[in-house]
Amino acid sequence: MVHLVRLRSALAVLAVLAAAATAHASGASFVLTAEGAKLGAPEDGEIPKYTLKVAVGQTVTLAAQGMVMPRGGAAAPGEPDAAAWLFDDAAFQLAPLEKEKADKTKASVALKALKPGTTKVRFVGNILGYEKKYDVVVEVLAEKK
């Protein structure tokens, strides 16, 4: 009986500590950037939308950096729990990322545009229990002759 009381007390303390760690951060999100093309400002909505223009054959690197917003403090980079970029493999070819120092706060993908048209690239990520989605509407322009 005494062991059961101690076990309950220990579990209660662990629950309070876990809740305190989660409550310390008042929010978390992602910041999207593009290298190799200019990423437009996001349009607000249920899923924020960015715009991007590239030419056929052009490679662009998209990155989503996790950001943690602590209470009373400035936003700081944070490592996401999960992150994925989803795209149409008929419109883009996955390109190798440039060798650089690994930044665990960023989820990056390099895409080479294959054919003209308008398509969507979606980022889905989870950071501190916040699931976030972002769309990048990409207009692929025909090659200049």
N, C-alpha and C. Protein backbone atom coordinates (compact mmCIF):
# COMPACT_ATOMS: atom_id res chain seq x y z
N MET A 1 0.83 -1.19 0.00
CA MET A 1 0.00 0.00 0.00
C MET A 1 0.87 1.25 0.00
N VAL A 2 1.94 1.25 0.78
CA VAL A 2 2.84 2.40 0.84
C VAL A 2 3.51 2.60 -0.52
N HIS A 3 3.89 1.49 -1.16
CA HIS A 3 4.53 1.58 -2.48
C HIS A 3 3.58 2.18 -3.51
N LEU A 4 2.29 1.84 -3.42
CA LEU A 4 1.30 2.37 -4.35
C LEU A 4 1.15 3.88 -4.17
N VAL A 5 1.17 4.35 -2.95
CA VAL A 5 1.07 5.79 -2.67
C VAL A 5 2.30 6.51 -3.22
N ARG A 6 3.48 5.93 -3.01
CA ARG A 6 4.72 6.54 -3.53
C ARG A 6 4.72 6.55 -5.06
N LEU A 7 4.23 5.48 -5.65
CA LEU A 7 4.17 5.40 -7.11
C LEU A 7 3.25 6.49 -7.65
N ARG A 8 2.08 6.66 -7.03
CA ARG A 8 1.15 7.70 -7.45
C ARG A 8 1.78 9.08 -7.30
N SER A 9 2.47 9.31 -6.21
CA SER A 9 3.13 10.60 -5.98
C SER A 9 4.19 10.86 -7.04
N ALA A 10 4.98 9.84 -7.34
CA ALA A 10 6.03 9.98 -8.35
C ALA A 10 5.42 10.27 -9.72
N LEU A 11 4.34 9.58 -10.06
CA LEU A 11 3.69 9.82 -11.33
C LEU A 11 3.09 11.22 -11.39
N ALA A 12 2.55 11.70 -10.30
CA ALA A 12 1.99 13.05 -10.26
C ALA A 12 3.09 14.09 -10.46
N VAL A 13 4.25 13.88 -9.84
CA VAL A 13 5.37 14.81 -10.01
C VAL A 13 5.85 14.81 -11.46
N LEU A 14 5.95 13.63 -12.07
CA LEU A 14 6.37 13.54 -13.47
C LEU A 14 5.37 14.23 -14.39
N ALA A 15 4.09 14.10 -14.11
CA ALA A 15 3.07 14.74 -14.93
C ALA A 15 3.18 16.26 -14.83
N VAL A 16 3.43 16.78 -13.64
CA VAL A 16 3.57 18.23 -13.45
C VAL A 16 4.82 18.73 -14.19
N LEU A 17 5.92 18.00 -14.11
CA LEU A 17 7.15 18.40 -14.79
C LEU A 17 6.97 18.39 -16.31
N ALA A 18 6.30 17.39 -16.84
CA ALA A 18 6.05 17.31 -18.28
C ALA A 18 5.16 18.47 -18.73
N ALA A 19 4.14 18.79 -17.97
CA ALA A 19 3.25 19.89 -18.31
C ALA A 19 3.97 21.23 -18.23
N ALA A 20 4.85 21.38 -17.26
CA ALA A 20 5.61 22.63 -17.12
C ALA A 20 6.54 22.84 -18.30
N ALA A 21 7.17 21.79 -18.78
CA ALA A 21 8.07 21.92 -19.93
C ALA A 21 7.30 22.32 -21.18
N THR A 22 6.12 21.76 -21.37
CA THR A 22 5.30 22.09 -22.53
C THR A 22 4.73 23.50 -22.39
N ALA A 23 4.33 23.89 -21.21
CA ALA A 23 3.75 25.21 -20.99
C ALA A 23 4.78 26.32 -21.07
N HIS A 24 6.06 26.00 -20.91
CA HIS A 24 7.12 27.00 -20.98
C HIS A 24 7.12 27.70 -22.34
N ALA A 25 6.86 26.97 -23.40
CA ALA A 25 6.78 27.55 -24.73
C ALA A 25 5.32 27.92 -25.00
N SER A 26 5.09 29.17 -25.38
CA SER A 26 3.71 29.57 -25.62
C SER A 26 3.28 29.31 -27.05
N GLY A 27 4.21 28.91 -27.91
CA GLY A 27 3.85 28.60 -29.28
C GLY A 27 5.05 28.13 -30.07
N ALA A 28 4.78 27.57 -31.20
CA ALA A 28 5.84 27.12 -32.10
C ALA A 28 5.28 27.14 -33.51
N SER A 29 6.17 27.38 -34.45
CA SER A 29 5.76 27.46 -35.85
C SER A 29 6.96 27.19 -36.74
N PHE A 30 6.82 27.47 -38.02
CA PHE A 30 7.91 27.32 -38.98
C PHE A 30 8.02 28.59 -39.80
N VAL A 31 9.24 28.90 -40.23
CA VAL A 31 9.50 30.01 -41.14
C VAL A 31 10.02 29.40 -42.44
N LEU A 32 9.33 29.71 -43.55
CA LEU A 32 9.73 29.17 -44.84
C LEU A 32 10.63 30.14 -45.59
N THR A 33 11.66 29.61 -46.24
CA THR A 33 12.55 30.40 -47.07
C THR A 33 12.84 29.63 -48.36
N ALA A 34 13.33 30.36 -49.35
CA ALA A 34 13.71 29.74 -50.63
C ALA A 34 15.07 30.28 -51.04
N GLU A 35 15.88 29.40 -51.59
CA GLU A 35 17.18 29.78 -52.12
C GLU A 35 17.18 29.42 -53.60
N GLY A 36 17.51 30.39 -54.45
CA GLY A 36 17.50 30.15 -55.88
C GLY A 36 16.32 30.78 -56.57
N ALA A 37 15.38 31.33 -55.80
CA ALA A 37 14.21 32.04 -56.33
C ALA A 37 13.60 32.85 -55.19
N LYS A 38 12.81 33.86 -55.55
CA LYS A 38 12.21 34.73 -54.54
C LYS A 38 10.86 34.18 -54.10
N LEU A 39 10.73 33.92 -52.81
CA LEU A 39 9.50 33.42 -52.22
C LEU A 39 8.60 34.60 -51.88
N GLY A 40 7.36 34.57 -52.37
CA GLY A 40 6.42 35.65 -52.10
C GLY A 40 5.95 35.63 -50.65
N ALA A 41 5.37 36.74 -50.22
CA ALA A 41 4.83 36.85 -48.85
C ALA A 41 3.64 35.89 -48.70
N PRO A 42 3.47 35.33 -47.50
CA PRO A 42 2.37 34.37 -47.32
C PRO A 42 1.00 35.05 -47.30
N GLU A 43 0.03 34.34 -47.88
CA GLU A 43 -1.36 34.75 -47.78
C GLU A 43 -1.95 34.01 -46.60
N ASP A 44 -2.62 34.74 -45.72
CA ASP A 44 -3.22 34.10 -44.55
C ASP A 44 -4.38 33.21 -44.96
N GLY A 45 -4.62 32.23 -44.16
CA GLY A 45 -5.72 31.30 -44.39
C GLY A 45 -5.52 30.13 -43.46
N GLU A 46 -6.38 29.13 -43.59
CA GLU A 46 -6.24 27.93 -42.77
C GLU A 46 -4.87 27.30 -43.00
N ILE A 47 -4.46 27.27 -44.26
CA ILE A 47 -3.11 26.84 -44.63
C ILE A 47 -2.46 28.02 -45.35
N PRO A 48 -1.47 28.67 -44.74
CA PRO A 48 -0.82 29.81 -45.40
C PRO A 48 -0.24 29.42 -46.76
N LYS A 49 -0.38 30.33 -47.75
CA LYS A 49 0.09 30.07 -49.11
C LYS A 49 1.18 31.08 -49.47
N TYR A 50 2.28 30.55 -50.01
CA TYR A 50 3.36 31.35 -50.55
C TYR A 50 3.34 31.18 -52.07
N THR A 51 3.94 32.11 -52.80
CA THR A 51 4.06 31.98 -54.24
C THR A 51 5.53 31.97 -54.62
N LEU A 52 5.81 31.32 -55.76
CA LEU A 52 7.19 31.18 -56.21
C LEU A 52 7.17 31.01 -57.72
N LYS A 53 8.10 31.69 -58.41
CA LYS A 53 8.23 31.53 -59.86
C LYS A 53 9.62 30.99 -60.16
N VAL A 54 9.67 29.94 -60.99
CA VAL A 54 10.93 29.35 -61.42
C VAL A 54 10.81 29.01 -62.90
N ALA A 55 11.94 28.77 -63.54
CA ALA A 55 11.95 28.38 -64.95
C ALA A 55 12.22 26.89 -65.04
N VAL A 56 11.80 26.28 -66.15
CA VAL A 56 12.10 24.87 -66.38
C VAL A 56 13.62 24.69 -66.32
N GLY A 57 14.07 23.68 -65.61
CA GLY A 57 15.50 23.41 -65.46
C GLY A 57 16.13 24.09 -64.26
N GLN A 58 15.43 25.05 -63.66
CA GLN A 58 15.96 25.78 -62.50
C GLN A 58 15.77 24.94 -61.23
N THR A 59 16.76 25.01 -60.35
CA THR A 59 16.68 24.31 -59.07
C THR A 59 16.46 25.33 -57.96
N VAL A 60 15.53 25.04 -57.09
CA VAL A 60 15.25 25.90 -55.94
C VAL A 60 15.30 25.04 -54.68
N THR A 61 15.86 25.60 -53.61
CA THR A 61 15.91 24.91 -52.33
C THR A 61 14.92 25.57 -51.39
N LEU A 62 13.96 24.80 -50.91
CA LEU A 62 12.98 25.27 -49.94
C LEU A 62 13.38 24.77 -48.56
N ALA A 63 13.26 25.64 -47.57
CA ALA A 63 13.60 25.26 -46.20
C ALA A 63 12.51 25.75 -45.26
N ALA A 64 12.22 24.93 -44.28
CA ALA A 64 11.27 25.29 -43.22
C ALA A 64 12.03 25.17 -41.91
N GLN A 65 12.22 26.29 -41.23
CA GLN A 65 12.95 26.30 -39.96
C GLN A 65 11.96 26.36 -38.81
N GLY A 66 12.11 25.43 -37.87
CA GLY A 66 11.26 25.42 -36.69
C GLY A 66 11.59 26.61 -35.81
N MET A 67 10.55 27.27 -35.30
CA MET A 67 10.71 28.42 -34.42
C MET A 67 9.85 28.21 -33.17
N VAL A 68 10.48 28.43 -32.02
CA VAL A 68 9.81 28.29 -30.73
C VAL A 68 9.64 29.69 -30.15
N MET A 69 8.41 30.01 -29.72
CA MET A 69 8.13 31.30 -29.14
C MET A 69 7.89 31.16 -27.63
N PRO A 70 8.94 31.34 -26.81
CA PRO A 70 8.77 31.21 -25.37
C PRO A 70 8.01 32.41 -24.80
N ARG A 71 7.37 32.19 -23.70
CA ARG A 71 6.64 33.28 -23.04
C ARG A 71 7.63 34.34 -22.59
N GLY A 72 7.36 35.58 -23.00
CA GLY A 72 8.18 36.69 -22.56
C GLY A 72 9.56 36.75 -23.20
N GLY A 73 9.81 35.95 -24.23
CA GLY A 73 11.12 35.96 -24.86
C GLY A 73 11.00 36.03 -26.37
N ALA A 74 12.13 36.21 -27.00
CA ALA A 74 12.17 36.29 -28.46
C ALA A 74 12.08 34.88 -29.06
N ALA A 75 11.55 34.81 -30.25
CA ALA A 75 11.47 33.53 -30.96
C ALA A 75 12.88 33.02 -31.24
N ALA A 76 13.06 31.72 -31.11
CA ALA A 76 14.37 31.10 -31.33
C ALA A 76 14.19 29.82 -32.14
N PRO A 77 15.20 29.46 -32.94
CA PRO A 77 15.10 28.21 -33.70
C PRO A 77 14.93 27.00 -32.79
N GLY A 78 14.14 26.04 -33.25
CA GLY A 78 13.90 24.82 -32.49
C GLY A 78 13.83 23.63 -33.43
N GLU A 79 14.20 22.47 -32.94
CA GLU A 79 14.20 21.25 -33.75
C GLU A 79 12.79 20.70 -33.87
N PRO A 80 12.31 20.49 -35.11
CA PRO A 80 10.98 19.92 -35.28
C PRO A 80 10.94 18.44 -34.89
N ASP A 81 9.77 17.99 -34.46
CA ASP A 81 9.56 16.58 -34.14
C ASP A 81 9.41 15.76 -35.42
N ALA A 82 8.79 16.37 -36.43
CA ALA A 82 8.60 15.71 -37.72
C ALA A 82 8.48 16.78 -38.79
N ALA A 83 8.93 16.46 -40.01
CA ALA A 83 8.84 17.42 -41.10
C ALA A 83 8.92 16.69 -42.43
N ALA A 84 8.12 17.14 -43.41
CA ALA A 84 8.14 16.51 -44.74
C ALA A 84 7.70 17.53 -45.79
N TRP A 85 8.33 17.43 -46.94
CA TRP A 85 7.94 18.22 -48.11
C TRP A 85 7.25 17.27 -49.09
N LEU A 86 6.08 17.67 -49.59
CA LEU A 86 5.31 16.86 -50.52
C LEU A 86 5.20 17.61 -51.85
N PHE A 87 5.50 16.94 -52.96
CA PHE A 87 5.47 17.59 -54.26
C PHE A 87 5.13 16.58 -55.35
N ASP A 88 4.75 17.09 -56.51
CA ASP A 88 4.41 16.27 -57.66
C ASP A 88 5.70 15.88 -58.37
N ASP A 89 6.01 14.59 -58.41
CA ASP A 89 7.28 14.17 -59.01
C ASP A 89 7.24 14.21 -60.53
N ALA A 90 6.09 14.54 -61.12
CA ALA A 90 6.04 14.77 -62.56
C ALA A 90 6.45 16.21 -62.87
N ALA A 91 6.30 17.10 -61.90
CA ALA A 91 6.64 18.51 -62.08
C ALA A 91 8.04 18.84 -61.59
N PHE A 92 8.53 18.08 -60.61
CA PHE A 92 9.84 18.35 -60.01
C PHE A 92 10.66 17.08 -59.88
N GLN A 93 11.97 17.27 -59.97
CA GLN A 93 12.91 16.19 -59.70
C GLN A 93 13.65 16.56 -58.42
N LEU A 94 13.76 15.61 -57.53
CA LEU A 94 14.50 15.83 -56.29
C LEU A 94 15.98 15.99 -56.63
N ALA A 95 16.58 17.07 -56.17
CA ALA A 95 17.99 17.34 -56.43
C ALA A 95 18.77 17.20 -55.13
N PRO A 96 20.05 16.87 -55.21
CA PRO A 96 20.84 16.75 -53.99
C PRO A 96 21.01 18.12 -53.32
N LEU A 97 20.95 18.12 -52.00
CA LEU A 97 21.18 19.34 -51.25
C LEU A 97 22.67 19.65 -51.23
N GLU A 98 22.99 20.93 -51.22
CA GLU A 98 24.40 21.32 -51.13
C GLU A 98 24.96 20.86 -49.79
N LYS A 99 26.22 20.43 -49.85
CA LYS A 99 26.88 20.00 -48.62
C LYS A 99 27.13 21.22 -47.75
N GLU A 100 26.55 21.22 -46.60
CA GLU A 100 26.76 22.30 -45.65
C GLU A 100 26.55 21.74 -44.25
N LYS A 101 26.83 22.54 -43.30
CA LYS A 101 26.67 22.14 -41.92
C LYS A 101 25.21 21.77 -41.67
N ALA A 102 24.99 20.61 -41.10
CA ALA A 102 23.62 20.15 -40.82
C ALA A 102 22.99 21.03 -39.74
N ASP A 103 21.83 21.58 -40.05
CA ASP A 103 21.07 22.39 -39.10
C ASP A 103 19.81 21.61 -38.78
N LYS A 104 19.75 21.06 -37.58
CA LYS A 104 18.63 20.21 -37.19
C LYS A 104 17.33 20.98 -37.00
N THR A 105 17.39 22.32 -37.04
CA THR A 105 16.16 23.11 -36.91
C THR A 105 15.49 23.32 -38.26
N LYS A 106 16.16 22.92 -39.36
CA LYS A 106 15.62 23.13 -40.70
C LYS A 106 15.32 21.82 -41.40
N ALA A 107 14.22 21.82 -42.15
CA ALA A 107 13.88 20.72 -43.05
C ALA A 107 13.96 21.31 -44.45
N SER A 108 14.90 20.83 -45.25
CA SER A 108 15.14 21.40 -46.58
C SER A 108 14.92 20.37 -47.67
N VAL A 109 14.57 20.88 -48.85
CA VAL A 109 14.43 20.04 -50.04
C VAL A 109 14.87 20.88 -51.24
N ALA A 110 15.62 20.26 -52.14
CA ALA A 110 16.03 20.91 -53.38
C ALA A 110 15.24 20.28 -54.52
N LEU A 111 14.58 21.12 -55.32
CA LEU A 111 13.72 20.65 -56.40
C LEU A 111 14.12 21.29 -57.71
N LYS A 112 14.21 20.48 -58.76
CA LYS A 112 14.50 20.96 -60.11
C LYS A 112 13.20 20.92 -60.90
N ALA A 113 12.82 22.07 -61.46
CA ALA A 113 11.57 22.16 -62.23
C ALA A 113 11.72 21.42 -63.55
N LEU A 114 10.73 20.57 -63.87
CA LEU A 114 10.80 19.74 -65.07
C LEU A 114 9.93 20.21 -66.23
N LYS A 115 8.74 20.77 -65.92
CA LYS A 115 7.83 21.15 -67.00
C LYS A 115 7.05 22.40 -66.60
N PRO A 116 6.64 23.20 -67.61
CA PRO A 116 5.90 24.42 -67.32
C PRO A 116 4.50 24.12 -66.76
N GLY A 117 4.00 25.06 -65.99
CA GLY A 117 2.67 24.93 -65.41
C GLY A 117 2.66 25.44 -63.98
N THR A 118 1.53 25.30 -63.34
CA THR A 118 1.38 25.72 -61.95
C THR A 118 1.14 24.47 -61.10
N THR A 119 1.87 24.35 -60.03
CA THR A 119 1.74 23.20 -59.14
C THR A 119 1.92 23.66 -57.70
N LYS A 120 1.68 22.77 -56.79
CA LYS A 120 1.76 23.10 -55.37
C LYS A 120 2.77 22.18 -54.69
N VAL A 121 3.57 22.77 -53.81
CA VAL A 121 4.47 22.03 -52.94
C VAL A 121 3.97 22.28 -51.53
N ARG A 122 3.79 21.22 -50.76
CA ARG A 122 3.27 21.37 -49.39
C ARG A 122 4.32 20.96 -48.38
N PHE A 123 4.41 21.75 -47.31
CA PHE A 123 5.25 21.39 -46.17
C PHE A 123 4.33 21.04 -45.01
N VAL A 124 4.61 19.91 -44.35
CA VAL A 124 3.87 19.49 -43.17
C VAL A 124 4.90 19.23 -42.08
N GLY A 125 4.71 19.87 -40.93
CA GLY A 125 5.66 19.69 -39.84
C GLY A 125 4.98 19.71 -38.49
N ASN A 126 5.68 19.17 -37.52
CA ASN A 126 5.20 19.14 -36.14
C ASN A 126 6.34 19.60 -35.25
N ILE A 127 6.06 20.60 -34.41
CA ILE A 127 7.05 21.10 -33.48
C ILE A 127 6.36 21.39 -32.15
N LEU A 128 6.86 20.78 -31.10
CA LEU A 128 6.29 20.91 -29.75
C LEU A 128 4.80 20.61 -29.70
N GLY A 129 4.37 19.67 -30.53
CA GLY A 129 2.96 19.28 -30.52
C GLY A 129 2.08 20.12 -31.42
N TYR A 130 2.63 21.15 -32.05
CA TYR A 130 1.88 21.99 -32.98
C TYR A 130 2.08 21.44 -34.38
N GLU A 131 0.99 21.00 -35.02
CA GLU A 131 1.08 20.52 -36.40
C GLU A 131 0.80 21.70 -37.32
N LYS A 132 1.70 21.94 -38.26
CA LYS A 132 1.59 23.08 -39.16
C LYS A 132 1.67 22.61 -40.61
N LYS A 133 0.94 23.30 -41.49
CA LYS A 133 0.96 23.03 -42.92
C LYS A 133 1.14 24.35 -43.65
N TYR A 134 1.92 24.31 -44.73
CA TYR A 134 2.15 25.47 -45.57
C TYR A 134 2.15 25.01 -47.02
N ASP A 135 1.58 25.83 -47.90
CA ASP A 135 1.60 25.54 -49.33
C ASP A 135 2.46 26.57 -50.04
N VAL A 136 3.22 26.10 -51.02
CA VAL A 136 3.97 26.97 -51.90
C VAL A 136 3.42 26.71 -53.31
N VAL A 137 2.74 27.72 -53.86
CA VAL A 137 2.19 27.60 -55.21
C VAL A 137 3.30 28.03 -56.16
N VAL A 138 3.75 27.08 -56.98
CA VAL A 138 4.90 27.31 -57.85
C VAL A 138 4.43 27.43 -59.29
N GLU A 139 4.81 28.55 -59.91
CA GLU A 139 4.57 28.75 -61.33
C GLU A 139 5.88 28.45 -62.04
N VAL A 140 5.87 27.39 -62.85
CA VAL A 140 7.06 27.01 -63.60
C VAL A 140 6.91 27.59 -65.01
N LEU A 141 7.84 28.48 -65.36
CA LEU A 141 7.82 29.14 -66.66
C LEU A 141 8.61 28.34 -67.68
N ALA A 142 8.19 28.40 -68.93
CA ALA A 142 8.89 27.69 -70.01
C ALA A 142 10.29 28.27 -70.16
N GLU A 143 11.20 27.44 -70.66
CA GLU A 143 12.58 27.86 -70.90
C GLU A 143 12.60 29.00 -71.90
N LYS A 144 13.50 29.96 -71.65
CA LYS A 144 13.67 31.06 -72.60
C LYS A 144 14.55 30.57 -73.74
N LYS A 145 14.14 30.87 -74.96
CA LYS A 145 14.89 30.40 -76.13
C LYS A 145 15.69 31.51 -76.74
